[in-house]
């Protein structure tokens, strides 16, 4: 299942996938641009997988400089998902992420005209329609408030990051409010 790339699941489409004219130049837009709604700027993994890039490129001879700060995840579904123009990145190359895990914050880096998330999907190196992948209409201005949001496994994320053994995990899970504790520990880590 593919989840919303925003923690709260609320966003609007600011620029659809496909041909568009930008600054007087007609070009193919290989992703879909999204803007978090209601102040939601936390970007999360829409599927679980492995982080294959987490970087920013300043060299203009490399076309990915246009993405600014970006994270790419090779999803469990075999697709590579790009989360671009991030203000901040919270994951590193080689890290495994779960669906719903916070990986960055929407931003305005690279070739960008305002805060947003460029969400791009590639299968076998070829771009696919990111709107279809997310299950949303490929129309600018469309608002989405009911997309499914994945709840991250905070216990797993904290245990991996802190290298807790199973005994520690079991001990903390015995606490009456363990799920809240794991979430708060995770929020303190990022």
C-alpha atoms as a PDB file:
ATOM      1  CA  UNK A   1       0.000   0.000   0.000  1.00  0.00           C
ATOM      2  CA  UNK A   2       1.170   3.537  -0.797  1.00  0.00           C
ATOM      3  CA  UNK A   3       0.604   6.141   1.918  1.00  0.00           C
ATOM      4  CA  UNK A   4       0.495   9.920   1.944  1.00  0.00           C
ATOM      5  CA  UNK A   5       3.944  11.549   1.794  1.00  0.00           C
ATOM      6  CA  UNK A   6       2.802  13.964   4.533  1.00  0.00           C
ATOM      7  CA  UNK A   7       2.626  12.977   8.195  1.00  0.00           C
ATOM      8  CA  UNK A   8      -0.895  14.391   8.525  1.00  0.00           C
ATOM      9  CA  UNK A   9      -2.057  13.103   5.138  1.00  0.00           C
ATOM     10  CA  UNK A  10      -3.231  16.558   4.048  1.00  0.00           C
ATOM     11  CA  UNK A  11      -1.890  18.312   0.977  1.00  0.00           C
ATOM     12  CA  UNK A  12      -2.791  19.941  -2.303  1.00  0.00           C
ATOM     13  CA  UNK A  13      -1.350  19.463  -5.786  1.00  0.00           C
ATOM     14  CA  UNK A  14       0.500  22.600  -6.914  1.00  0.00           C
ATOM     15  CA  UNK A  15       1.878  21.301 -10.225  1.00  0.00           C
ATOM     16  CA  UNK A  16       0.826  18.063 -11.942  1.00  0.00           C
ATOM     17  CA  UNK A  17       2.903  15.400 -13.669  1.00  0.00           C
ATOM     18  CA  UNK A  18       3.460  16.005 -17.408  1.00  0.00           C
ATOM     19  CA  UNK A  19       4.115  18.866 -19.797  1.00  0.00           C
ATOM     20  CA  UNK A  20       4.098  22.384 -18.387  1.00  0.00           C
ATOM     21  CA  UNK A  21       5.497  25.842 -19.120  1.00  0.00           C
ATOM     22  CA  UNK A  22       7.771  27.246 -16.435  1.00  0.00           C
ATOM     23  CA  UNK A  23       9.523  30.612 -16.802  1.00  0.00           C
ATOM     24  CA  UNK A  24       8.481  30.652 -20.469  1.00  0.00           C
ATOM     25  CA  UNK A  25      10.027  27.233 -21.186  1.00  0.00           C
ATOM     26  CA  UNK A  26       7.897  24.204 -22.045  1.00  0.00           C
ATOM     27  CA  UNK A  27       9.285  21.157 -20.291  1.00  0.00           C
ATOM     28  CA  UNK A  28       8.256  17.764 -19.020  1.00  0.00           C
ATOM     29  CA  UNK A  29       7.640  17.681 -15.276  1.00  0.00           C
ATOM     30  CA  UNK A  30       8.638  14.184 -14.142  1.00  0.00           C
ATOM     31  CA  UNK A  31       6.920  14.300 -10.772  1.00  0.00           C
ATOM     32  CA  UNK A  32       4.028  15.918  -8.986  1.00  0.00           C
ATOM     33  CA  UNK A  33       4.456  18.976  -6.767  1.00  0.00           C
ATOM     34  CA  UNK A  34       2.632  18.936  -3.458  1.00  0.00           C
ATOM     35  CA  UNK A  35       2.128  21.441  -0.648  1.00  0.00           C
ATOM     36  CA  UNK A  36       1.253  20.319   2.867  1.00  0.00           C
ATOM     37  CA  UNK A  37      -2.074  21.619   4.182  1.00  0.00           C
ATOM     38  CA  UNK A  38      -2.848  23.087   7.591  1.00  0.00           C
ATOM     39  CA  UNK A  39       0.828  23.760   8.292  1.00  0.00           C
ATOM     40  CA  UNK A  40       1.847  20.117   7.745  1.00  0.00           C
ATOM     41  CA  UNK A  41       5.382  20.266   6.372  1.00  0.00           C
ATOM     42  CA  UNK A  42       6.642  16.920   7.711  1.00  0.00           C
ATOM     43  CA  UNK A  43       7.442  14.612   4.801  1.00  0.00           C
ATOM     44  CA  UNK A  44       7.328  10.882   5.422  1.00  0.00           C
ATOM     45  CA  UNK A  45       8.116   7.754   3.441  1.00  0.00           C
ATOM     46  CA  UNK A  46       5.094   6.739   1.373  1.00  0.00           C
ATOM     47  CA  UNK A  47       6.403   3.148   1.305  1.00  0.00           C
ATOM     48  CA  UNK A  48       9.035   1.313   3.284  1.00  0.00           C
ATOM     49  CA  UNK A  49      12.438   0.662   1.735  1.00  0.00           C
ATOM     50  CA  UNK A  50      16.099   1.587   1.683  1.00  0.00           C
ATOM     51  CA  UNK A  51      17.467   5.128   1.381  1.00  0.00           C
ATOM     52  CA  UNK A  52      19.688   5.188  -1.703  1.00  0.00           C
ATOM     53  CA  UNK A  53      20.435   8.945  -1.642  1.00  0.00           C
ATOM     54  CA  UNK A  54      20.187  11.679   0.959  1.00  0.00           C
ATOM     55  CA  UNK A  55      22.034  14.740  -0.244  1.00  0.00           C
ATOM     56  CA  UNK A  56      22.124  18.147  -1.866  1.00  0.00           C
ATOM     57  CA  UNK A  57      24.025  18.874  -5.097  1.00  0.00           C
ATOM     58  CA  UNK A  58      25.400  22.347  -5.722  1.00  0.00           C
ATOM     59  CA  UNK A  59      27.191  21.587  -9.012  1.00  0.00           C
ATOM     60  CA  UNK A  60      24.918  22.952 -11.779  1.00  0.00           C
ATOM     61  CA  UNK A  61      26.459  20.591 -14.321  1.00  0.00           C
ATOM     62  CA  UNK A  62      24.640  17.801 -12.461  1.00  0.00           C
ATOM     63  CA  UNK A  63      20.908  18.111 -13.265  1.00  0.00           C
ATOM     64  CA  UNK A  64      19.882  16.860  -9.834  1.00  0.00           C
ATOM     65  CA  UNK A  65      21.017  20.222  -8.394  1.00  0.00           C
ATOM     66  CA  UNK A  66      17.496  21.355  -9.329  1.00  0.00           C
ATOM     67  CA  UNK A  67      16.067  19.038  -6.659  1.00  0.00           C
ATOM     68  CA  UNK A  68      18.005  20.789  -3.903  1.00  0.00           C
ATOM     69  CA  UNK A  69      17.968  18.757  -0.711  1.00  0.00           C
ATOM     70  CA  UNK A  70      16.514  15.382  -1.621  1.00  0.00           C
ATOM     71  CA  UNK A  71      16.022  11.843  -0.406  1.00  0.00           C
ATOM     72  CA  UNK A  72      15.451   8.853  -2.662  1.00  0.00           C
ATOM     73  CA  UNK A  73      14.098   5.570  -1.360  1.00  0.00           C
ATOM     74  CA  UNK A  74      14.112   2.240  -3.163  1.00  0.00           C
ATOM     75  CA  UNK A  75      10.706   1.030  -2.086  1.00  0.00           C
ATOM     76  CA  UNK A  76       9.704  -2.481  -1.154  1.00  0.00           C
ATOM     77  CA  UNK A  77       7.542  -2.351  -4.287  1.00  0.00           C
ATOM     78  CA  UNK A  78      10.656  -2.002  -6.511  1.00  0.00           C
ATOM     79  CA  UNK A  79      10.060   1.655  -7.382  1.00  0.00           C
ATOM     80  CA  UNK A  80      12.431   4.480  -6.505  1.00  0.00           C
ATOM     81  CA  UNK A  81      10.681   7.440  -4.878  1.00  0.00           C
ATOM     82  CA  UNK A  82      12.280  10.900  -4.842  1.00  0.00           C
ATOM     83  CA  UNK A  83      11.360  13.491  -2.200  1.00  0.00           C
ATOM     84  CA  UNK A  84      12.856  16.791  -3.386  1.00  0.00           C
ATOM     85  CA  UNK A  85      13.320  20.474  -2.380  1.00  0.00           C
ATOM     86  CA  UNK A  86      13.453  19.498   1.309  1.00  0.00           C
ATOM     87  CA  UNK A  87      14.351  22.112   3.904  1.00  0.00           C
ATOM     88  CA  UNK A  88      15.784  19.327   6.089  1.00  0.00           C
ATOM     89  CA  UNK A  89      16.644  15.639   5.692  1.00  0.00           C
ATOM     90  CA  UNK A  90      16.269  13.233   8.631  1.00  0.00           C
ATOM     91  CA  UNK A  91      17.616  10.020   7.085  1.00  0.00           C
ATOM     92  CA  UNK A  92      20.963   8.927   5.684  1.00  0.00           C
ATOM     93  CA  UNK A  93      22.033   6.845   2.711  1.00  0.00           C
ATOM     94  CA  UNK A  94      21.856   3.129   3.480  1.00  0.00           C
ATOM     95  CA  UNK A  95      19.237   3.503   6.204  1.00  0.00           C
ATOM     96  CA  UNK A  96      16.076   1.395   6.102  1.00  0.00           C
ATOM     97  CA  UNK A  97      12.839   3.355   6.480  1.00  0.00           C
ATOM     98  CA  UNK A  98       9.307   2.259   7.221  1.00  0.00           C
ATOM     99  CA  UNK A  99       6.160   3.651   5.610  1.00  0.00           C
ATOM    100  CA  UNK A 100       5.112   6.703   7.582  1.00  0.00           C
ATOM    101  CA  UNK A 101       8.582   7.413   8.955  1.00  0.00           C
ATOM    102  CA  UNK A 102       9.472  11.105   8.927  1.00  0.00           C
ATOM    103  CA  UNK A 103      12.302  11.586   6.410  1.00  0.00           C
ATOM    104  CA  UNK A 104      12.380  15.355   5.914  1.00  0.00           C
ATOM    105  CA  UNK A 105      10.641  18.686   5.918  1.00  0.00           C
ATOM    106  CA  UNK A 106       9.034  20.370   2.909  1.00  0.00           C
ATOM    107  CA  UNK A 107      11.232  23.183   1.617  1.00  0.00           C
ATOM    108  CA  UNK A 108      12.400  25.563  -1.052  1.00  0.00           C
ATOM    109  CA  UNK A 109      15.882  24.310  -2.051  1.00  0.00           C
ATOM    110  CA  UNK A 110      17.265  23.858  -5.555  1.00  0.00           C
ATOM    111  CA  UNK A 111      15.296  25.214  -8.527  1.00  0.00           C
ATOM    112  CA  UNK A 112      12.091  26.105  -6.740  1.00  0.00           C
ATOM    113  CA  UNK A 113       9.605  28.972  -6.597  1.00  0.00           C
ATOM    114  CA  UNK A 114       8.285  28.312  -3.092  1.00  0.00           C
ATOM    115  CA  UNK A 115       7.925  25.721  -0.336  1.00  0.00           C
ATOM    116  CA  UNK A 116       6.718  22.406  -1.716  1.00  0.00           C
ATOM    117  CA  UNK A 117       7.597  18.753  -2.197  1.00  0.00           C
ATOM    118  CA  UNK A 118       8.532  17.434  -5.623  1.00  0.00           C
ATOM    119  CA  UNK A 119       7.415  13.786  -5.455  1.00  0.00           C
ATOM    120  CA  UNK A 120       8.766  11.635  -8.283  1.00  0.00           C
ATOM    121  CA  UNK A 121       8.558   7.893  -8.908  1.00  0.00           C
ATOM    122  CA  UNK A 122      10.699   5.778 -11.219  1.00  0.00           C
ATOM    123  CA  UNK A 123      10.369   2.146 -12.179  1.00  0.00           C
ATOM    124  CA  UNK A 124      13.361   0.555 -13.872  1.00  0.00           C
ATOM    125  CA  UNK A 125      14.845   4.034 -14.346  1.00  0.00           C
ATOM    126  CA  UNK A 126      11.735   5.311 -16.155  1.00  0.00           C
ATOM    127  CA  UNK A 127       9.451   7.958 -14.696  1.00  0.00           C
ATOM    128  CA  UNK A 128       5.925   6.888 -13.948  1.00  0.00           C
ATOM    129  CA  UNK A 129       2.951   9.110 -13.237  1.00  0.00           C
ATOM    130  CA  UNK A 130       3.383  10.003  -9.561  1.00  0.00           C
ATOM    131  CA  UNK A 131      -0.271  11.074  -9.267  1.00  0.00           C
ATOM    132  CA  UNK A 132      -1.416   7.598 -10.285  1.00  0.00           C
ATOM    133  CA  UNK A 133       1.117   6.074  -7.889  1.00  0.00           C
ATOM    134  CA  UNK A 134      -0.344   8.108  -5.001  1.00  0.00           C
ATOM    135  CA  UNK A 135      -3.889   7.500  -6.185  1.00  0.00           C
ATOM    136  CA  UNK A 136      -4.706  11.211  -6.598  1.00  0.00           C
ATOM    137  CA  UNK A 137      -5.955  13.273  -9.531  1.00  0.00           C
ATOM    138  CA  UNK A 138      -3.224  14.837 -11.653  1.00  0.00           C
ATOM    139  CA  UNK A 139      -4.789  18.315 -11.430  1.00  0.00           C
ATOM    140  CA  UNK A 140      -3.295  21.470  -9.905  1.00  0.00           C
ATOM    141  CA  UNK A 141      -5.304  22.782  -6.978  1.00  0.00           C
ATOM    142  CA  UNK A 142      -6.771  19.437  -5.957  1.00  0.00           C
ATOM    143  CA  UNK A 143      -6.846  19.052  -2.171  1.00  0.00           C
ATOM    144  CA  UNK A 144      -6.560  15.766  -0.327  1.00  0.00           C
ATOM    145  CA  UNK A 145      -7.526  15.304   3.287  1.00  0.00           C
ATOM    146  CA  UNK A 146      -8.338  11.633   3.516  1.00  0.00           C
ATOM    147  CA  UNK A 147      -5.344   9.760   2.138  1.00  0.00           C
ATOM    148  CA  UNK A 148      -4.221   6.914   4.365  1.00  0.00           C
ATOM    149  CA  UNK A 149      -1.394   7.758   6.730  1.00  0.00           C
ATOM    150  CA  UNK A 150       0.986   5.041   7.876  1.00  0.00           C
ATOM    151  CA  UNK A 151       1.694   4.958  11.574  1.00  0.00           C
ATOM    152  CA  UNK A 152       5.413   4.406  11.995  1.00  0.00           C
ATOM    153  CA  UNK A 153       6.616   1.625  14.253  1.00  0.00           C
ATOM    154  CA  UNK A 154       8.232   4.004  16.734  1.00  0.00           C
ATOM    155  CA  UNK A 155       9.515   1.171  18.916  1.00  0.00           C
ATOM    156  CA  UNK A 156      11.370  -0.352  15.983  1.00  0.00           C
ATOM    157  CA  UNK A 157      12.777   3.009  14.881  1.00  0.00           C
ATOM    158  CA  UNK A 158      14.042   3.866  18.379  1.00  0.00           C
ATOM    159  CA  UNK A 159      15.470   0.397  18.989  1.00  0.00           C
ATOM    160  CA  UNK A 160      17.359   0.414  15.689  1.00  0.00           C
ATOM    161  CA  UNK A 161      18.710   3.933  16.180  1.00  0.00           C
ATOM    162  CA  UNK A 162      19.726   3.369  19.821  1.00  0.00           C
ATOM    163  CA  UNK A 163      20.726  -0.257  19.275  1.00  0.00           C
ATOM    164  CA  UNK A 164      18.420  -1.453  22.058  1.00  0.00           C
ATOM    165  CA  UNK A 165      18.350  -5.194  22.607  1.00  0.00           C
ATOM    166  CA  UNK A 166      15.113  -7.168  22.756  1.00  0.00           C
ATOM    167  CA  UNK A 167      15.286  -7.233  26.553  1.00  0.00           C
ATOM    168  CA  UNK A 168      15.181  -3.410  26.690  1.00  0.00           C
ATOM    169  CA  UNK A 169      12.333  -3.333  24.189  1.00  0.00           C
ATOM    170  CA  UNK A 170      10.326  -5.857  26.208  1.00  0.00           C
ATOM    171  CA  UNK A 171      10.971  -3.908  29.415  1.00  0.00           C
ATOM    172  CA  UNK A 172       9.696  -0.642  27.916  1.00  0.00           C
ATOM    173  CA  UNK A 173       6.743  -2.366  26.237  1.00  0.00           C
ATOM    174  CA  UNK A 174       5.550  -3.471  29.692  1.00  0.00           C
ATOM    175  CA  UNK A 175       4.926   0.198  30.530  1.00  0.00           C
ATOM    176  CA  UNK A 176       1.209   1.093  30.505  1.00  0.00           C
ATOM    177  CA  UNK A 177       1.701   3.928  27.989  1.00  0.00           C
ATOM    178  CA  UNK A 178       4.441   2.282  25.931  1.00  0.00           C
ATOM    179  CA  UNK A 179       3.170   3.489  22.536  1.00  0.00           C
ATOM    180  CA  UNK A 180       3.243   7.129  23.688  1.00  0.00           C
ATOM    181  CA  UNK A 181       6.676   6.609  25.249  1.00  0.00           C
ATOM    182  CA  UNK A 182       8.113   5.191  22.000  1.00  0.00           C
ATOM    183  CA  UNK A 183       6.636   8.089  19.988  1.00  0.00           C
ATOM    184  CA  UNK A 184       8.050  10.690  22.382  1.00  0.00           C
ATOM    185  CA  UNK A 185      11.482   9.034  22.388  1.00  0.00           C
ATOM    186  CA  UNK A 186      11.464   9.025  18.593  1.00  0.00           C
ATOM    187  CA  UNK A 187      10.428  12.705  18.406  1.00  0.00           C
ATOM    188  CA  UNK A 188      13.315  13.610  20.705  1.00  0.00           C
ATOM    189  CA  UNK A 189      15.755  11.777  18.424  1.00  0.00           C
ATOM    190  CA  UNK A 190      14.877  13.676  15.229  1.00  0.00           C
END
